[in-house]
Amino acid sequence: MIPDPPPAARDLFGSRLPRIEAYAELLAGPGVERGLIGPGETERLWDRHLLNSGAVAELIPAAPGRKPLQLADLGSGAGLPGIVLAIMLPEVSVTLVEPMARRTVFLQECIAQLGLSNAQVRRGRAEELAGEIEADVVTARAVASLDRLAGLAAGLARSGGLVLAIKGAAAGTELDQARPVLRRLGATGTEIVVAGAGLLDRPTTVIRFRTRENARVVHRPGRGGRPRQRT
């Protein structure tokens, strides 16, 4: 059994809270049974996972033009934050990118049981899907350190796309270590921002940057392990 949603959940999720609660039940049931999240995380589902993910919705920009905004959730795992964002932002098209079969099965079950017509699953590693997915926004949570994550995320983003990497207390250190990679990728507007301030006891820390304009960065290592670029 999971705890009742805290007051902040009602404020953050509003009318979509019942669907978030249904997702929480999936995480606490099949998610734990299949090893997607640890049994000890059940008591912390709201504060550590669902609220932490949902706060990111405020950082998602409006769709460019008339087409729906395309969001790719890199290394989606159990669907955090991708499933949460798909529930909160029904006008956004969400692609859950995940290489592990048992996780993709769980994600597909979540999409079906929650009735998420705006979400789909793509099984594969980011390196394999680079150039095939061109998202307006790429999100990632607990995937890799920023110096590795930056190139993977850029490979799934369109030219000038937005990357939102959910991080913790070490965000500043990770950003400092990743600056050479970010410069090589041509990233712009790199900054640390918080989401959910004034609402959550522990606001979500996010490293945000945009990919190089007028170039596709395809993270398929060539000589020296550096990303290749297509212009």
Protein backbone atom coordinates (compact mmCIF):
# COMPACT_ATOMS: atom_id res chain seq x y z
CA MET A 1 0.00 0.00 0.00
CA ILE A 2 1.24 3.46 -0.85
CA PRO A 3 0.70 6.55 1.31
CA ASP A 4 -2.12 8.94 0.51
CA PRO A 5 -1.06 11.79 -1.77
CA PRO A 6 0.24 14.83 0.15
CA PRO A 7 -1.43 18.25 -0.24
CA ALA A 8 1.28 19.30 -2.70
CA ALA A 9 0.18 16.50 -5.03
CA ARG A 10 -3.34 17.90 -5.19
CA ASP A 11 -1.96 21.35 -5.94
CA LEU A 12 0.48 20.10 -8.59
CA PHE A 13 -1.64 17.51 -10.40
CA GLY A 14 -5.11 19.01 -9.95
CA SER A 15 -7.80 17.15 -11.94
CA ARG A 16 -5.19 14.65 -13.17
CA LEU A 17 -4.42 13.37 -9.68
CA PRO A 18 -6.64 10.24 -10.00
CA ARG A 19 -4.65 9.09 -13.02
CA ILE A 20 -1.38 9.82 -11.20
CA GLU A 21 -2.67 7.73 -8.28
CA ALA A 22 -3.44 4.89 -10.69
CA TYR A 23 0.12 5.10 -11.99
CA ALA A 24 1.41 5.09 -8.42
CA GLU A 25 -0.43 1.81 -7.85
CA LEU A 26 1.24 0.33 -10.93
CA LEU A 27 4.64 1.41 -9.65
CA ALA A 28 4.02 0.02 -6.17
CA GLY A 29 2.59 -3.25 -7.54
CA PRO A 30 4.02 -4.59 -10.82
CA GLY A 31 6.83 -2.02 -10.72
CA VAL A 32 8.17 -3.43 -7.45
CA GLU A 33 7.39 -7.06 -8.33
CA ARG A 34 9.42 -6.81 -11.54
CA GLY A 35 12.32 -4.96 -9.94
CA LEU A 36 11.77 -1.63 -11.73
CA ILE A 37 11.82 0.20 -8.43
CA GLY A 38 13.00 -0.99 -5.04
CA PRO A 39 10.42 -2.07 -2.41
CA GLY A 40 11.77 0.63 -0.11
CA GLU A 41 10.75 3.31 -2.59
CA THR A 42 7.02 2.69 -2.10
CA GLU A 43 6.85 4.90 0.96
CA ARG A 44 8.67 7.64 -0.93
CA LEU A 45 6.80 7.44 -4.23
CA TRP A 46 5.12 10.81 -3.86
CA ASP A 47 7.91 13.05 -2.60
CA ARG A 48 10.91 11.42 -4.24
CA HIS A 49 9.45 10.29 -7.56
CA LEU A 50 6.02 11.54 -8.61
CA LEU A 51 6.25 15.13 -7.36
CA ASN A 52 9.88 15.33 -8.42
CA SER A 53 8.87 14.33 -11.95
CA GLY A 54 5.66 16.33 -12.15
CA ALA A 55 7.35 19.60 -11.25
CA VAL A 56 9.27 19.42 -14.55
CA ALA A 57 6.03 20.14 -16.44
CA GLU A 58 6.45 23.85 -15.69
CA LEU A 59 9.70 23.84 -17.70
CA ILE A 60 8.11 22.40 -20.86
CA PRO A 61 7.62 25.20 -23.44
CA ALA A 62 4.66 25.67 -25.74
CA ALA A 63 4.65 23.73 -28.99
CA PRO A 64 6.47 25.39 -31.90
CA GLY A 65 3.90 26.08 -34.60
CA ARG A 66 0.74 24.02 -34.97
CA LYS A 67 2.23 20.57 -34.49
CA PRO A 68 2.17 18.93 -31.03
CA LEU A 69 5.35 19.34 -29.01
CA GLN A 70 7.51 16.21 -29.32
CA LEU A 71 9.09 15.06 -26.06
CA ALA A 72 11.50 12.14 -25.70
CA ASP A 73 12.12 10.70 -22.24
CA LEU A 74 15.60 9.18 -22.39
CA GLY A 75 16.15 6.01 -20.34
CA SER A 76 12.55 6.12 -19.18
CA GLY A 77 12.87 3.09 -16.92
CA ALA A 78 9.62 2.84 -14.95
CA GLY A 79 8.29 5.98 -16.66
CA LEU A 80 9.76 8.74 -14.52
CA PRO A 81 9.31 11.46 -15.60
CA GLY A 82 7.87 10.43 -18.99
CA ILE A 83 4.61 8.81 -17.87
CA VAL A 84 3.96 11.58 -15.36
CA LEU A 85 4.50 14.26 -18.01
CA ALA A 86 2.28 12.41 -20.49
CA ILE A 87 -0.51 12.45 -17.90
CA MET A 88 -0.03 16.12 -17.06
CA LEU A 89 0.46 17.36 -20.62
CA PRO A 90 -2.03 15.55 -22.87
CA GLU A 91 -1.27 17.97 -25.71
CA VAL A 92 2.37 16.83 -25.79
CA SER A 93 3.45 13.74 -27.75
CA VAL A 94 5.72 11.70 -25.45
CA THR A 95 8.13 8.99 -26.61
CA LEU A 96 9.50 6.77 -23.86
CA VAL A 97 12.99 5.63 -24.90
CA GLU A 98 14.14 2.51 -23.06
CA PRO A 99 16.50 -0.34 -24.10
CA MET A 100 15.47 -3.04 -21.58
CA ALA A 101 12.65 -5.35 -22.67
CA ARG A 102 11.06 -5.87 -19.25
CA ARG A 103 10.88 -2.13 -18.75
CA THR A 104 9.35 -1.49 -22.15
CA VAL A 105 6.68 -4.11 -21.41
CA PHE A 106 5.83 -2.32 -18.17
CA LEU A 107 5.73 1.05 -19.93
CA GLN A 108 3.39 -0.30 -22.60
CA GLU A 109 1.11 -1.72 -19.91
CA CYS A 110 1.07 1.65 -18.15
CA ILE A 111 0.14 3.44 -21.37
CA ALA A 112 -2.70 0.99 -22.01
CA GLN A 113 -4.09 0.91 -18.47
CA LEU A 114 -3.87 4.68 -18.02
CA GLY A 115 -5.33 5.38 -21.45
CA LEU A 116 -2.46 7.59 -22.61
CA SER A 117 -3.10 8.17 -26.30
CA ASN A 118 -0.27 10.73 -26.41
CA ALA A 119 2.50 8.31 -25.35
CA GLN A 120 4.45 5.59 -27.14
CA VAL A 121 7.46 3.38 -26.36
CA ARG A 122 10.60 3.07 -28.46
CA ARG A 123 12.87 0.24 -27.43
CA GLY A 124 16.55 0.92 -28.04
CA ARG A 125 19.64 2.66 -26.80
CA ALA A 126 19.97 6.38 -27.39
CA GLU A 127 23.01 5.74 -29.60
CA GLU A 128 20.92 3.48 -31.84
CA LEU A 129 18.00 5.89 -32.12
CA ALA A 130 20.09 9.02 -32.68
CA GLY A 131 18.91 10.67 -35.86
CA GLU A 132 15.65 8.70 -35.88
CA ILE A 133 14.05 10.71 -33.06
CA GLU A 134 14.06 14.50 -33.35
CA ALA A 135 12.36 15.77 -30.23
CA ASP A 136 11.65 19.36 -29.28
CA VAL A 137 12.39 18.44 -25.66
CA VAL A 138 14.47 15.61 -24.21
CA THR A 139 14.08 14.72 -20.53
CA ALA A 140 16.25 12.38 -18.48
CA ARG A 141 16.25 11.32 -14.84
CA ALA A 142 18.82 9.12 -13.11
CA VAL A 143 20.30 7.98 -16.43
CA ALA A 144 23.99 8.96 -16.41
CA SER A 145 26.35 11.72 -15.36
CA LEU A 146 25.94 14.87 -17.42
CA ASP A 147 29.22 14.51 -19.30
CA ARG A 148 27.85 11.31 -20.87
CA LEU A 149 24.16 12.19 -20.83
CA ALA A 150 24.61 15.44 -22.78
CA GLY A 151 25.72 13.70 -25.97
CA LEU A 152 23.06 10.99 -25.70
CA ALA A 153 20.29 13.53 -25.20
CA ALA A 154 21.54 15.79 -27.98
CA GLY A 155 21.36 12.85 -30.37
CA LEU A 156 17.60 12.60 -29.79
CA ALA A 157 16.91 16.34 -30.03
CA ARG A 158 16.14 18.48 -33.04
CA SER A 159 18.38 21.41 -33.92
CA GLY A 160 18.01 23.91 -31.10
CA GLY A 161 16.06 21.41 -29.02
CA LEU A 162 15.74 21.70 -25.24
CA VAL A 163 17.36 19.19 -22.86
CA LEU A 164 16.13 18.89 -19.26
CA ALA A 165 18.34 16.69 -17.10
CA ILE A 166 16.85 16.08 -13.65
CA LYS A 167 19.63 16.07 -11.10
CA GLY A 168 20.19 16.27 -7.36
CA ALA A 169 22.46 18.13 -4.99
CA ALA A 170 25.56 17.44 -7.09
CA ALA A 171 24.16 19.25 -10.16
CA GLY A 172 26.76 22.03 -9.93
CA THR A 173 29.65 19.59 -9.79
CA GLU A 174 28.26 17.58 -12.72
CA LEU A 175 27.82 20.72 -14.77
CA ASP A 176 31.40 21.84 -14.14
CA GLN A 177 32.74 18.43 -15.18
CA ALA A 178 30.58 18.37 -18.32
CA ARG A 179 31.44 21.84 -19.63
CA PRO A 180 34.08 20.57 -22.11
CA VAL A 181 31.53 18.15 -23.59
CA LEU A 182 28.84 20.82 -23.71
CA ARG A 183 31.18 23.19 -25.52
CA ARG A 184 32.08 20.49 -28.03
CA LEU A 185 28.39 19.83 -28.64
CA GLY A 186 27.73 23.54 -29.17
CA ALA A 187 25.19 23.63 -26.33
CA THR A 188 23.74 27.04 -25.48
CA GLY A 189 21.86 28.56 -22.55
CA THR A 190 23.25 26.04 -20.09
CA GLU A 191 21.98 26.67 -16.56
CA ILE A 192 20.74 25.07 -13.37
CA VAL A 193 17.09 25.77 -12.59
CA VAL A 194 14.60 24.55 -10.00
CA ALA A 195 11.03 23.47 -10.60
CA GLY A 196 8.25 23.37 -8.03
CA ALA A 197 9.69 26.13 -5.84
CA GLY A 198 7.09 27.39 -3.39
CA LEU A 199 5.06 24.20 -3.84
CA LEU A 200 7.38 21.32 -3.00
CA ASP A 201 9.44 20.93 0.16
CA ARG A 202 12.29 19.75 -2.07
CA PRO A 203 12.05 21.47 -5.47
CA THR A 204 13.37 19.56 -8.46
CA THR A 205 16.85 20.53 -9.65
CA VAL A 206 17.28 20.52 -13.42
CA ILE A 207 20.24 21.21 -15.69
CA ARG A 208 18.83 22.85 -18.81
CA PHE A 209 20.47 23.56 -22.16
CA ARG A 210 19.69 23.80 -25.85
CA THR A 211 21.40 21.85 -28.59
CA ARG A 212 23.37 23.46 -31.39
CA GLU A 213 21.25 25.27 -33.98
CA ASN A 214 21.33 24.03 -37.59
CA ALA A 215 23.12 20.80 -36.76
CA ARG A 216 22.17 17.31 -35.73
CA VAL A 217 24.46 15.73 -33.15
CA VAL A 218 24.49 11.97 -33.60
CA HIS A 219 26.12 10.22 -30.66
CA ARG A 220 27.70 7.33 -32.53
CA PRO A 221 31.31 7.41 -31.43
CA GLY A 222 33.92 7.72 -34.17
CA ARG A 223 37.62 8.18 -33.61
CA GLY A 224 38.47 9.23 -30.10
CA GLY A 225 34.92 8.48 -28.96
CA ARG A 226 33.66 11.92 -29.93
CA PRO A 227 30.13 12.49 -31.23
CA ARG A 228 29.77 12.89 -34.97
CA GLN A 229 27.83 15.85 -36.34
CA ARG A 230 25.59 16.14 -39.32
CA THR A 231 24.94 19.62 -40.71
